[in-house]
Amino acid sequence: MTLEEIFEENAAYVWRVLRRLGVGEADVEDVCQEVFLTVHRKLGTFDGSSALRTWLYGICLRLASEYRRRPHRRREEVAEAVPEQVMAAPQDETLDRRRALDRLDAALDQLDDDKRAVFVLHEIEQVPMAEIAKAAGCPLQTAYSRLRAARAQIEAAMRRHELGAPRAGAARVTEGSNV
């Protein structure tokens, strides 16, 4: 398989995995290029003993981990939010989905790199655990332990967010009230 074929078949996948592994939107294109530069340099060493995607996962894991440790990564500028009243009703579902993804990303940011990688690859990308263990360079049971711990942390983070979210119709305390 040529580098061009690998790129054409896997670029969108690599992009998606890198984003879920914590690579910022402003940097994902650069890190994606690093992945395929690594593939280009190491393609001759790929022995085929594992699936190509398993090999790519390993490269993505390492580069995403390096990225997250870099102090000079670009900071994303957040544009001012559009007031919800301006948005059309059909966009509410899209907005809810975007908010849910933002909550998931925030919860993923709380995980260490090892747990995050296992969670993203298994729960989001549907990669079999045996392939994840191989890509992560750890025993299968360790990968399962990381997945269990990541699930628990994600669930706790999502519960905390739900409990902390303002509820519609909640009583407001105003200045000067005797509450």
C-alpha atoms as a PDB file:
ATOM      1  CA  MET A   1       0.000   0.000   0.000  1.00  0.00           C
ATOM      2  CA  THR A   2       1.366   3.428  -0.907  1.00  0.00           C
ATOM      3  CA  LEU A   3       1.498   6.469   1.362  1.00  0.00           C
ATOM      4  CA  GLU A   4      -1.060   8.171  -0.873  1.00  0.00           C
ATOM      5  CA  GLU A   5      -3.492   5.254  -0.479  1.00  0.00           C
ATOM      6  CA  ILE A   6      -2.954   5.171   3.282  1.00  0.00           C
ATOM      7  CA  PHE A   7      -3.600   8.907   3.452  1.00  0.00           C
ATOM      8  CA  GLU A   8      -6.734   8.792   1.284  1.00  0.00           C
ATOM      9  CA  GLU A   9      -8.236   5.923   3.276  1.00  0.00           C
ATOM     10  CA  ASN A  10      -7.285   7.135   6.755  1.00  0.00           C
ATOM     11  CA  ALA A  11      -6.914  10.947   6.827  1.00  0.00           C
ATOM     12  CA  ALA A  12     -10.436  11.643   8.090  1.00  0.00           C
ATOM     13  CA  TYR A  13     -10.101   8.892  10.674  1.00  0.00           C
ATOM     14  CA  VAL A  14      -6.715  10.191  11.910  1.00  0.00           C
ATOM     15  CA  TRP A  15      -8.144  13.715  12.111  1.00  0.00           C
ATOM     16  CA  ARG A  16     -11.118  12.515  14.192  1.00  0.00           C
ATOM     17  CA  VAL A  17      -8.956  10.422  16.528  1.00  0.00           C
ATOM     18  CA  LEU A  18      -6.532  13.295  17.109  1.00  0.00           C
ATOM     19  CA  ARG A  19      -9.380  15.675  18.000  1.00  0.00           C
ATOM     20  CA  ARG A  20     -10.818  13.200  20.490  1.00  0.00           C
ATOM     21  CA  LEU A  21      -7.364  12.603  21.954  1.00  0.00           C
ATOM     22  CA  GLY A  22      -7.212  16.285  22.845  1.00  0.00           C
ATOM     23  CA  VAL A  23      -5.492  17.935  19.909  1.00  0.00           C
ATOM     24  CA  GLY A  24      -6.976  21.414  19.552  1.00  0.00           C
ATOM     25  CA  GLU A  25      -8.839  22.419  16.434  1.00  0.00           C
ATOM     26  CA  ALA A  26      -6.220  25.068  15.682  1.00  0.00           C
ATOM     27  CA  ASP A  27      -3.459  22.428  15.745  1.00  0.00           C
ATOM     28  CA  VAL A  28      -5.083  19.268  14.403  1.00  0.00           C
ATOM     29  CA  GLU A  29      -3.997  19.859  10.807  1.00  0.00           C
ATOM     30  CA  ASP A  30      -0.347  20.169  11.876  1.00  0.00           C
ATOM     31  CA  VAL A  31      -0.469  17.076  14.090  1.00  0.00           C
ATOM     32  CA  CYS A  32      -2.265  15.138  11.339  1.00  0.00           C
ATOM     33  CA  GLN A  33       0.598  16.037   9.005  1.00  0.00           C
ATOM     34  CA  GLU A  34       3.051  14.828  11.660  1.00  0.00           C
ATOM     35  CA  VAL A  35       1.212  11.491  11.742  1.00  0.00           C
ATOM     36  CA  PHE A  36       1.561  11.015   7.997  1.00  0.00           C
ATOM     37  CA  LEU A  37       5.178  12.220   8.016  1.00  0.00           C
ATOM     38  CA  THR A  38       5.845   9.529  10.615  1.00  0.00           C
ATOM     39  CA  VAL A  39       4.009   6.999   8.444  1.00  0.00           C
ATOM     40  CA  HIS A  40       6.168   8.058   5.482  1.00  0.00           C
ATOM     41  CA  ARG A  41       9.395   7.690   7.489  1.00  0.00           C
ATOM     42  CA  LYS A  42       8.450   4.381   9.103  1.00  0.00           C
ATOM     43  CA  LEU A  43       6.396   2.692   6.394  1.00  0.00           C
ATOM     44  CA  GLY A  44       9.343   0.426   5.578  1.00  0.00           C
ATOM     45  CA  THR A  45       9.398  -0.820   9.186  1.00  0.00           C
ATOM     46  CA  PHE A  46       5.691  -1.708   9.241  1.00  0.00           C
ATOM     47  CA  ASP A  47       5.794  -5.494   9.220  1.00  0.00           C
ATOM     48  CA  GLY A  48       2.080  -6.196   8.881  1.00  0.00           C
ATOM     49  CA  SER A  49       1.938  -8.254  12.085  1.00  0.00           C
ATOM     50  CA  SER A  50      -0.870  -5.940  13.198  1.00  0.00           C
ATOM     51  CA  ALA A  51      -3.572  -4.136  11.281  1.00  0.00           C
ATOM     52  CA  LEU A  52      -2.561  -0.883   9.607  1.00  0.00           C
ATOM     53  CA  ARG A  53      -5.075   1.009  11.729  1.00  0.00           C
ATOM     54  CA  THR A  54      -3.537  -0.428  14.902  1.00  0.00           C
ATOM     55  CA  TRP A  55      -0.190   0.951  13.776  1.00  0.00           C
ATOM     56  CA  LEU A  56      -1.810   4.307  12.986  1.00  0.00           C
ATOM     57  CA  TYR A  57      -3.489   4.348  16.440  1.00  0.00           C
ATOM     58  CA  GLY A  58      -0.083   3.961  18.038  1.00  0.00           C
ATOM     59  CA  ILE A  59       1.316   6.885  16.054  1.00  0.00           C
ATOM     60  CA  CYS A  60      -1.741   9.029  16.869  1.00  0.00           C
ATOM     61  CA  LEU A  61      -1.503   8.138  20.565  1.00  0.00           C
ATOM     62  CA  ARG A  62       2.153   9.134  20.776  1.00  0.00           C
ATOM     63  CA  LEU A  63       1.786  12.366  18.834  1.00  0.00           C
ATOM     64  CA  ALA A  64      -1.395  13.423  20.672  1.00  0.00           C
ATOM     65  CA  SER A  65       0.335  12.751  23.979  1.00  0.00           C
ATOM     66  CA  GLU A  66       3.338  14.826  22.903  1.00  0.00           C
ATOM     67  CA  TYR A  67       1.008  17.589  21.730  1.00  0.00           C
ATOM     68  CA  ARG A  68      -0.817  17.717  25.063  1.00  0.00           C
ATOM     69  CA  ARG A  69       2.508  18.158  26.870  1.00  0.00           C
ATOM     70  CA  ARG A  70       3.672  21.029  24.637  1.00  0.00           C
ATOM     71  CA  PRO A  71       3.563  24.407  26.346  1.00  0.00           C
ATOM     72  CA  HIS A  72       3.485  26.245  23.013  1.00  0.00           C
ATOM     73  CA  ARG A  73       0.343  24.735  21.540  1.00  0.00           C
ATOM     74  CA  ARG A  74      -1.993  27.287  20.028  1.00  0.00           C
ATOM     75  CA  ARG A  75      -4.854  28.515  22.123  1.00  0.00           C
ATOM     76  CA  GLU A  76      -8.204  28.556  20.439  1.00  0.00           C
ATOM     77  CA  GLU A  77     -10.046  31.855  20.382  1.00  0.00           C
ATOM     78  CA  VAL A  78     -13.671  31.464  21.394  1.00  0.00           C
ATOM     79  CA  ALA A  79     -16.010  33.621  19.367  1.00  0.00           C
ATOM     80  CA  GLU A  80     -18.803  35.403  21.164  1.00  0.00           C
ATOM     81  CA  ALA A  81     -21.820  33.161  21.425  1.00  0.00           C
ATOM     82  CA  VAL A  82     -24.913  34.001  19.413  1.00  0.00           C
ATOM     83  CA  PRO A  83     -27.894  34.576  21.716  1.00  0.00           C
ATOM     84  CA  GLU A  84     -30.156  31.535  21.743  1.00  0.00           C
ATOM     85  CA  GLN A  85     -33.213  33.634  20.820  1.00  0.00           C
ATOM     86  CA  VAL A  86     -31.606  34.371  17.439  1.00  0.00           C
ATOM     87  CA  MET A  87     -31.211  30.698  16.560  1.00  0.00           C
ATOM     88  CA  ALA A  88     -33.928  28.913  14.623  1.00  0.00           C
ATOM     89  CA  ALA A  89     -35.844  26.082  16.306  1.00  0.00           C
ATOM     90  CA  PRO A  90     -34.343  23.292  14.110  1.00  0.00           C
ATOM     91  CA  GLN A  91     -30.920  24.397  15.303  1.00  0.00           C
ATOM     92  CA  ASP A  92     -31.817  23.588  18.917  1.00  0.00           C
ATOM     93  CA  GLU A  93     -31.004  19.921  18.358  1.00  0.00           C
ATOM     94  CA  THR A  94     -27.674  20.854  16.777  1.00  0.00           C
ATOM     95  CA  LEU A  95     -26.960  23.190  19.681  1.00  0.00           C
ATOM     96  CA  ASP A  96     -27.817  20.476  22.224  1.00  0.00           C
ATOM     97  CA  ARG A  97     -25.563  18.037  20.401  1.00  0.00           C
ATOM     98  CA  ARG A  98     -22.725  20.608  20.314  1.00  0.00           C
ATOM     99  CA  ARG A  99     -23.128  21.242  24.040  1.00  0.00           C
ATOM    100  CA  ALA A 100     -23.079  17.516  24.775  1.00  0.00           C
ATOM    101  CA  LEU A 101     -19.885  17.145  22.727  1.00  0.00           C
ATOM    102  CA  ASP A 102     -18.371  20.109  24.573  1.00  0.00           C
ATOM    103  CA  ARG A 103     -19.205  18.432  27.908  1.00  0.00           C
ATOM    104  CA  LEU A 104     -17.653  15.192  26.677  1.00  0.00           C
ATOM    105  CA  ASP A 105     -14.519  17.029  25.530  1.00  0.00           C
ATOM    106  CA  ALA A 106     -14.268  18.748  28.926  1.00  0.00           C
ATOM    107  CA  ALA A 107     -14.639  15.380  30.675  1.00  0.00           C
ATOM    108  CA  LEU A 108     -12.025  13.826  28.364  1.00  0.00           C
ATOM    109  CA  ASP A 109      -9.643  16.669  29.239  1.00  0.00           C
ATOM    110  CA  GLN A 110      -9.769  15.497  32.867  1.00  0.00           C
ATOM    111  CA  LEU A 111      -8.431  12.031  31.969  1.00  0.00           C
ATOM    112  CA  ASP A 112      -4.752  11.191  31.843  1.00  0.00           C
ATOM    113  CA  ASP A 113      -3.410  10.326  28.394  1.00  0.00           C
ATOM    114  CA  ASP A 114      -3.538   6.540  28.899  1.00  0.00           C
ATOM    115  CA  LYS A 115      -7.169   6.456  30.015  1.00  0.00           C
ATOM    116  CA  ARG A 116      -8.231   9.006  27.426  1.00  0.00           C
ATOM    117  CA  ALA A 117      -6.674   7.012  24.591  1.00  0.00           C
ATOM    118  CA  VAL A 118      -8.342   3.749  25.610  1.00  0.00           C
ATOM    119  CA  PHE A 119     -11.721   5.436  26.127  1.00  0.00           C
ATOM    120  CA  VAL A 120     -11.657   7.318  22.826  1.00  0.00           C
ATOM    121  CA  LEU A 121     -10.499   4.361  20.775  1.00  0.00           C
ATOM    122  CA  HIS A 122     -12.940   1.881  22.306  1.00  0.00           C
ATOM    123  CA  GLU A 123     -16.059   3.925  23.076  1.00  0.00           C
ATOM    124  CA  ILE A 124     -15.940   6.459  20.255  1.00  0.00           C
ATOM    125  CA  GLU A 125     -13.979   4.761  17.478  1.00  0.00           C
ATOM    126  CA  GLN A 126     -15.194   1.211  18.272  1.00  0.00           C
ATOM    127  CA  VAL A 127     -11.691  -0.287  18.156  1.00  0.00           C
ATOM    128  CA  PRO A 128     -11.428  -3.802  19.647  1.00  0.00           C
ATOM    129  CA  MET A 129      -9.658  -3.894  23.017  1.00  0.00           C
ATOM    130  CA  ALA A 130      -6.953  -6.285  21.774  1.00  0.00           C
ATOM    131  CA  GLU A 131      -5.928  -3.749  19.112  1.00  0.00           C
ATOM    132  CA  ILE A 132      -5.985  -0.914  21.643  1.00  0.00           C
ATOM    133  CA  ALA A 133      -3.731  -2.852  24.011  1.00  0.00           C
ATOM    134  CA  LYS A 134      -1.305  -3.529  21.189  1.00  0.00           C
ATOM    135  CA  ALA A 135      -1.303   0.114  20.051  1.00  0.00           C
ATOM    136  CA  ALA A 136      -0.873   1.353  23.633  1.00  0.00           C
ATOM    137  CA  GLY A 137       1.867  -1.190  24.320  1.00  0.00           C
ATOM    138  CA  CYS A 138       0.194  -2.592  27.425  1.00  0.00           C
ATOM    139  CA  PRO A 139      -1.334  -5.917  28.511  1.00  0.00           C
ATOM    140  CA  LEU A 140      -4.985  -6.447  27.589  1.00  0.00           C
ATOM    141  CA  GLN A 141      -6.092  -6.445  31.249  1.00  0.00           C
ATOM    142  CA  THR A 142      -4.352  -3.099  31.779  1.00  0.00           C
ATOM    143  CA  ALA A 143      -6.269  -1.675  28.823  1.00  0.00           C
ATOM    144  CA  TYR A 144      -9.526  -2.954  30.345  1.00  0.00           C
ATOM    145  CA  SER A 145      -8.595  -1.424  33.725  1.00  0.00           C
ATOM    146  CA  ARG A 146      -7.930   1.918  32.049  1.00  0.00           C
ATOM    147  CA  LEU A 147     -11.267   1.710  30.238  1.00  0.00           C
ATOM    148  CA  ARG A 148     -13.164   0.987  33.486  1.00  0.00           C
ATOM    149  CA  ALA A 149     -11.423   3.871  35.261  1.00  0.00           C
ATOM    150  CA  ALA A 150     -12.033   6.231  32.331  1.00  0.00           C
ATOM    151  CA  ARG A 151     -15.727   5.306  32.175  1.00  0.00           C
ATOM    152  CA  ALA A 152     -16.089   5.984  35.904  1.00  0.00           C
ATOM    153  CA  GLN A 153     -14.361   9.370  35.602  1.00  0.00           C
ATOM    154  CA  ILE A 154     -16.401  10.365  32.539  1.00  0.00           C
ATOM    155  CA  GLU A 155     -19.673   9.363  34.216  1.00  0.00           C
ATOM    156  CA  ALA A 156     -18.742  11.304  37.368  1.00  0.00           C
ATOM    157  CA  ALA A 157     -17.801  14.384  35.336  1.00  0.00           C
ATOM    158  CA  MET A 158     -21.056  14.243  33.380  1.00  0.00           C
ATOM    159  CA  ARG A 159     -23.069  13.843  36.623  1.00  0.00           C
ATOM    160  CA  ARG A 160     -21.239  16.821  38.174  1.00  0.00           C
ATOM    161  CA  HIS A 161     -22.066  18.892  35.114  1.00  0.00           C
ATOM    162  CA  GLU A 162     -25.744  17.914  35.242  1.00  0.00           C
ATOM    163  CA  LEU A 163     -25.944  18.746  38.948  1.00  0.00           C
ATOM    164  CA  GLY A 164     -24.172  22.064  38.436  1.00  0.00           C
ATOM    165  CA  ALA A 165     -26.228  23.153  35.421  1.00  0.00           C
ATOM    166  CA  PRO A 166     -28.826  25.843  36.096  1.00  0.00           C
ATOM    167  CA  ARG A 167     -32.353  24.474  36.010  1.00  0.00           C
ATOM    168  CA  ALA A 168     -35.161  26.189  34.196  1.00  0.00           C
ATOM    169  CA  GLY A 169     -37.516  27.897  36.636  1.00  0.00           C
ATOM    170  CA  ALA A 170     -35.022  27.727  39.498  1.00  0.00           C
ATOM    171  CA  ALA A 171     -35.572  30.427  42.106  1.00  0.00           C
ATOM    172  CA  ARG A 172     -33.194  33.338  41.807  1.00  0.00           C
ATOM    173  CA  VAL A 173     -31.846  35.198  44.770  1.00  0.00           C
ATOM    174  CA  THR A 174     -31.770  38.906  44.077  1.00  0.00           C
ATOM    175  CA  GLU A 175     -29.898  41.643  45.863  1.00  0.00           C
ATOM    176  CA  GLY A 176     -31.747  42.802  48.907  1.00  0.00           C
ATOM    177  CA  SER A 177     -33.845  39.660  49.302  1.00  0.00           C
ATOM    178  CA  ASN A 178     -34.004  38.055  52.721  1.00  0.00           C
ATOM    179  CA  VAL A 179     -33.303  34.502  51.658  1.00  0.00           C
END
